[in-house]
Amino acid sequence: MFFLKPISLSLLLFCCGSIYADIKPNVVLQKWEDCQLKSNLNANCVEINHKAIAIKELLKSWEINPQHFGIDIMELQQRVSTLSDSDHDKQNLKQELEMRLAIVGWLESPK
């Protein structure tokens, strides 16, 4: 079955809107490290922090069980395809799907 960490990841996706479009996990994590070195955290660093938390959760999920991570992607694709465009959940699921695919692309691409 398809289960996410419903509260933390879903809230991040919901509250942060489309900030995950065209996400590059390695770039986000580098920017997050740069923000940690700054003494004053601006709004951009707060947004990057939200992205980094979500990426780290997904990376942990991938490390624990890459096959299950892939199954989650397939189930997300199936759920997105069955929802109407007017369904509010569809946008959230699409954002999560994009994020998971970005993680796979980053981890599985040749260096």
C-alpha atoms as a PDB file:
ATOM      1  CA  MET A   1       0.000   0.000   0.000  1.00  0.00           C
ATOM      2  CA  PHE A   2       0.982   3.585  -0.505  1.00  0.00           C
ATOM      3  CA  PHE A   3       1.785   5.307   2.772  1.00  0.00           C
ATOM      4  CA  LEU A   4       3.706   8.502   3.303  1.00  0.00           C
ATOM      5  CA  LYS A   5       4.687  10.314   6.390  1.00  0.00           C
ATOM      6  CA  PRO A   6       1.320  11.995   6.043  1.00  0.00           C
ATOM      7  CA  ILE A   7       1.747  14.881   8.412  1.00  0.00           C
ATOM      8  CA  SER A   8       5.247  16.172   7.797  1.00  0.00           C
ATOM      9  CA  LEU A   9       5.663  15.613   4.066  1.00  0.00           C
ATOM     10  CA  SER A  10       2.090  16.432   3.123  1.00  0.00           C
ATOM     11  CA  LEU A  11       2.103  19.625   5.164  1.00  0.00           C
ATOM     12  CA  LEU A  12       5.353  20.710   3.559  1.00  0.00           C
ATOM     13  CA  LEU A  13       3.949  20.066   0.123  1.00  0.00           C
ATOM     14  CA  PHE A  14       0.688  21.822   0.948  1.00  0.00           C
ATOM     15  CA  CYS A  15       2.142  24.866   2.682  1.00  0.00           C
ATOM     16  CA  CYS A  16       4.905  25.475   0.207  1.00  0.00           C
ATOM     17  CA  GLY A  17       2.865  25.229  -2.983  1.00  0.00           C
ATOM     18  CA  SER A  18       4.774  24.733  -6.193  1.00  0.00           C
ATOM     19  CA  ILE A  19       8.264  25.370  -4.826  1.00  0.00           C
ATOM     20  CA  TYR A  20       9.126  21.777  -5.685  1.00  0.00           C
ATOM     21  CA  ALA A  21       8.704  22.195  -9.416  1.00  0.00           C
ATOM     22  CA  ASP A  22      11.942  21.481 -11.268  1.00  0.00           C
ATOM     23  CA  ILE A  23      13.670  20.611  -8.013  1.00  0.00           C
ATOM     24  CA  LYS A  24      17.326  19.683  -8.080  1.00  0.00           C
ATOM     25  CA  PRO A  25      17.999  17.926  -4.755  1.00  0.00           C
ATOM     26  CA  ASN A  26      21.767  18.398  -4.821  1.00  0.00           C
ATOM     27  CA  VAL A  27      21.402  22.152  -5.442  1.00  0.00           C
ATOM     28  CA  VAL A  28      18.811  22.525  -2.670  1.00  0.00           C
ATOM     29  CA  LEU A  29      20.992  20.646  -0.192  1.00  0.00           C
ATOM     30  CA  GLN A  30      24.015  22.785  -1.093  1.00  0.00           C
ATOM     31  CA  LYS A  31      21.980  25.974  -0.648  1.00  0.00           C
ATOM     32  CA  TRP A  32      20.741  24.616   2.686  1.00  0.00           C
ATOM     33  CA  GLU A  33      24.333  24.093   3.836  1.00  0.00           C
ATOM     34  CA  ASP A  34      25.159  27.644   2.723  1.00  0.00           C
ATOM     35  CA  CYS A  35      22.204  28.976   4.728  1.00  0.00           C
ATOM     36  CA  GLN A  36      23.407  27.120   7.813  1.00  0.00           C
ATOM     37  CA  LEU A  37      26.660  29.107   7.640  1.00  0.00           C
ATOM     38  CA  LYS A  38      24.815  32.434   7.651  1.00  0.00           C
ATOM     39  CA  SER A  39      23.988  34.024  10.972  1.00  0.00           C
ATOM     40  CA  ASN A  40      20.771  35.656   9.747  1.00  0.00           C
ATOM     41  CA  LEU A  41      18.237  33.367   8.135  1.00  0.00           C
ATOM     42  CA  ASN A  42      16.173  35.204   5.551  1.00  0.00           C
ATOM     43  CA  ALA A  43      12.896  34.081   3.973  1.00  0.00           C
ATOM     44  CA  ASN A  44      14.767  32.334   1.168  1.00  0.00           C
ATOM     45  CA  CYS A  45      16.682  30.225   3.701  1.00  0.00           C
ATOM     46  CA  VAL A  46      13.435  29.295   5.435  1.00  0.00           C
ATOM     47  CA  GLU A  47      12.000  28.107   2.110  1.00  0.00           C
ATOM     48  CA  ILE A  48      15.190  26.182   1.343  1.00  0.00           C
ATOM     49  CA  ASN A  49      15.030  24.626   4.803  1.00  0.00           C
ATOM     50  CA  HIS A  50      11.512  23.309   4.076  1.00  0.00           C
ATOM     51  CA  LYS A  51      12.735  21.808   0.808  1.00  0.00           C
ATOM     52  CA  ALA A  52      15.799  20.273   2.444  1.00  0.00           C
ATOM     53  CA  ILE A  53      13.723  18.629   5.178  1.00  0.00           C
ATOM     54  CA  ALA A  54      11.423  17.043   2.606  1.00  0.00           C
ATOM     55  CA  ILE A  55      14.385  15.892   0.494  1.00  0.00           C
ATOM     56  CA  LYS A  56      16.104  14.365   3.507  1.00  0.00           C
ATOM     57  CA  GLU A  57      12.940  12.478   4.447  1.00  0.00           C
ATOM     58  CA  LEU A  58      12.704  11.088   0.931  1.00  0.00           C
ATOM     59  CA  LEU A  59      16.410  10.209   0.855  1.00  0.00           C
ATOM     60  CA  LYS A  60      15.986   8.288   4.089  1.00  0.00           C
ATOM     61  CA  SER A  61      12.996   6.468   2.651  1.00  0.00           C
ATOM     62  CA  TRP A  62      15.030   5.623  -0.480  1.00  0.00           C
ATOM     63  CA  GLU A  63      17.959   4.346   1.588  1.00  0.00           C
ATOM     64  CA  ILE A  64      15.751   2.146   3.758  1.00  0.00           C
ATOM     65  CA  ASN A  65      13.959   0.482   0.853  1.00  0.00           C
ATOM     66  CA  PRO A  66      14.564   1.629  -2.748  1.00  0.00           C
ATOM     67  CA  GLN A  67      12.076  -0.909  -4.119  1.00  0.00           C
ATOM     68  CA  HIS A  68       9.295   0.395  -1.907  1.00  0.00           C
ATOM     69  CA  PHE A  69      10.241   3.924  -2.931  1.00  0.00           C
ATOM     70  CA  GLY A  70       9.727   2.889  -6.566  1.00  0.00           C
ATOM     71  CA  ILE A  71       6.415   1.239  -5.743  1.00  0.00           C
ATOM     72  CA  ASP A  72       5.305   4.464  -4.064  1.00  0.00           C
ATOM     73  CA  ILE A  73       6.144   6.333  -7.287  1.00  0.00           C
ATOM     74  CA  MET A  74       4.072   3.932  -9.377  1.00  0.00           C
ATOM     75  CA  GLU A  75       1.150   4.185  -6.962  1.00  0.00           C
ATOM     76  CA  LEU A  76       1.378   7.986  -6.995  1.00  0.00           C
ATOM     77  CA  GLN A  77       1.330   7.935 -10.802  1.00  0.00           C
ATOM     78  CA  GLN A  78      -1.741   5.717 -10.750  1.00  0.00           C
ATOM     79  CA  ARG A  79      -3.537   7.897  -8.180  1.00  0.00           C
ATOM     80  CA  VAL A  80      -2.728  11.111 -10.073  1.00  0.00           C
ATOM     81  CA  SER A  81      -4.072   9.627 -13.294  1.00  0.00           C
ATOM     82  CA  THR A  82      -7.400   8.734 -11.684  1.00  0.00           C
ATOM     83  CA  LEU A  83      -8.114  12.134 -10.121  1.00  0.00           C
ATOM     84  CA  SER A  84      -9.893  14.924 -11.944  1.00  0.00           C
ATOM     85  CA  ASP A  85      -8.005  18.156 -12.619  1.00  0.00           C
ATOM     86  CA  SER A  86     -10.326  20.010 -10.252  1.00  0.00           C
ATOM     87  CA  ASP A  87      -9.404  17.730  -7.335  1.00  0.00           C
ATOM     88  CA  HIS A  88      -7.228  19.631  -4.828  1.00  0.00           C
ATOM     89  CA  ASP A  89      -5.357  16.439  -3.880  1.00  0.00           C
ATOM     90  CA  LYS A  90      -4.177  15.986  -7.458  1.00  0.00           C
ATOM     91  CA  GLN A  91      -1.848  18.992  -7.298  1.00  0.00           C
ATOM     92  CA  ASN A  92      -0.340  17.842  -3.996  1.00  0.00           C
ATOM     93  CA  LEU A  93       0.163  14.328  -5.317  1.00  0.00           C
ATOM     94  CA  LYS A  94       1.736  15.663  -8.518  1.00  0.00           C
ATOM     95  CA  GLN A  95       4.173  17.753  -6.490  1.00  0.00           C
ATOM     96  CA  GLU A  96       5.118  14.774  -4.374  1.00  0.00           C
ATOM     97  CA  LEU A  97       5.540  12.655  -7.485  1.00  0.00           C
ATOM     98  CA  GLU A  98       7.808  15.287  -9.064  1.00  0.00           C
ATOM     99  CA  MET A  99       9.889  15.399  -5.925  1.00  0.00           C
ATOM    100  CA  ARG A 100      10.278  11.625  -5.738  1.00  0.00           C
ATOM    101  CA  LEU A 101      11.203  11.454  -9.419  1.00  0.00           C
ATOM    102  CA  ALA A 102      13.773  14.214  -8.890  1.00  0.00           C
ATOM    103  CA  ILE A 103      15.330  12.176  -6.074  1.00  0.00           C
ATOM    104  CA  VAL A 104      15.544   9.087  -8.285  1.00  0.00           C
ATOM    105  CA  GLY A 105      16.957  11.100 -11.166  1.00  0.00           C
ATOM    106  CA  TRP A 106      19.593  12.618  -8.923  1.00  0.00           C
ATOM    107  CA  LEU A 107      20.605   9.367  -7.238  1.00  0.00           C
ATOM    108  CA  GLU A 108      20.550   7.212 -10.347  1.00  0.00           C
ATOM    109  CA  SER A 109      22.102   9.597 -12.856  1.00  0.00           C
ATOM    110  CA  PRO A 110      25.725   9.128 -13.859  1.00  0.00           C
ATOM    111  CA  LYS A 111      27.975  11.442 -11.878  1.00  0.00           C
END
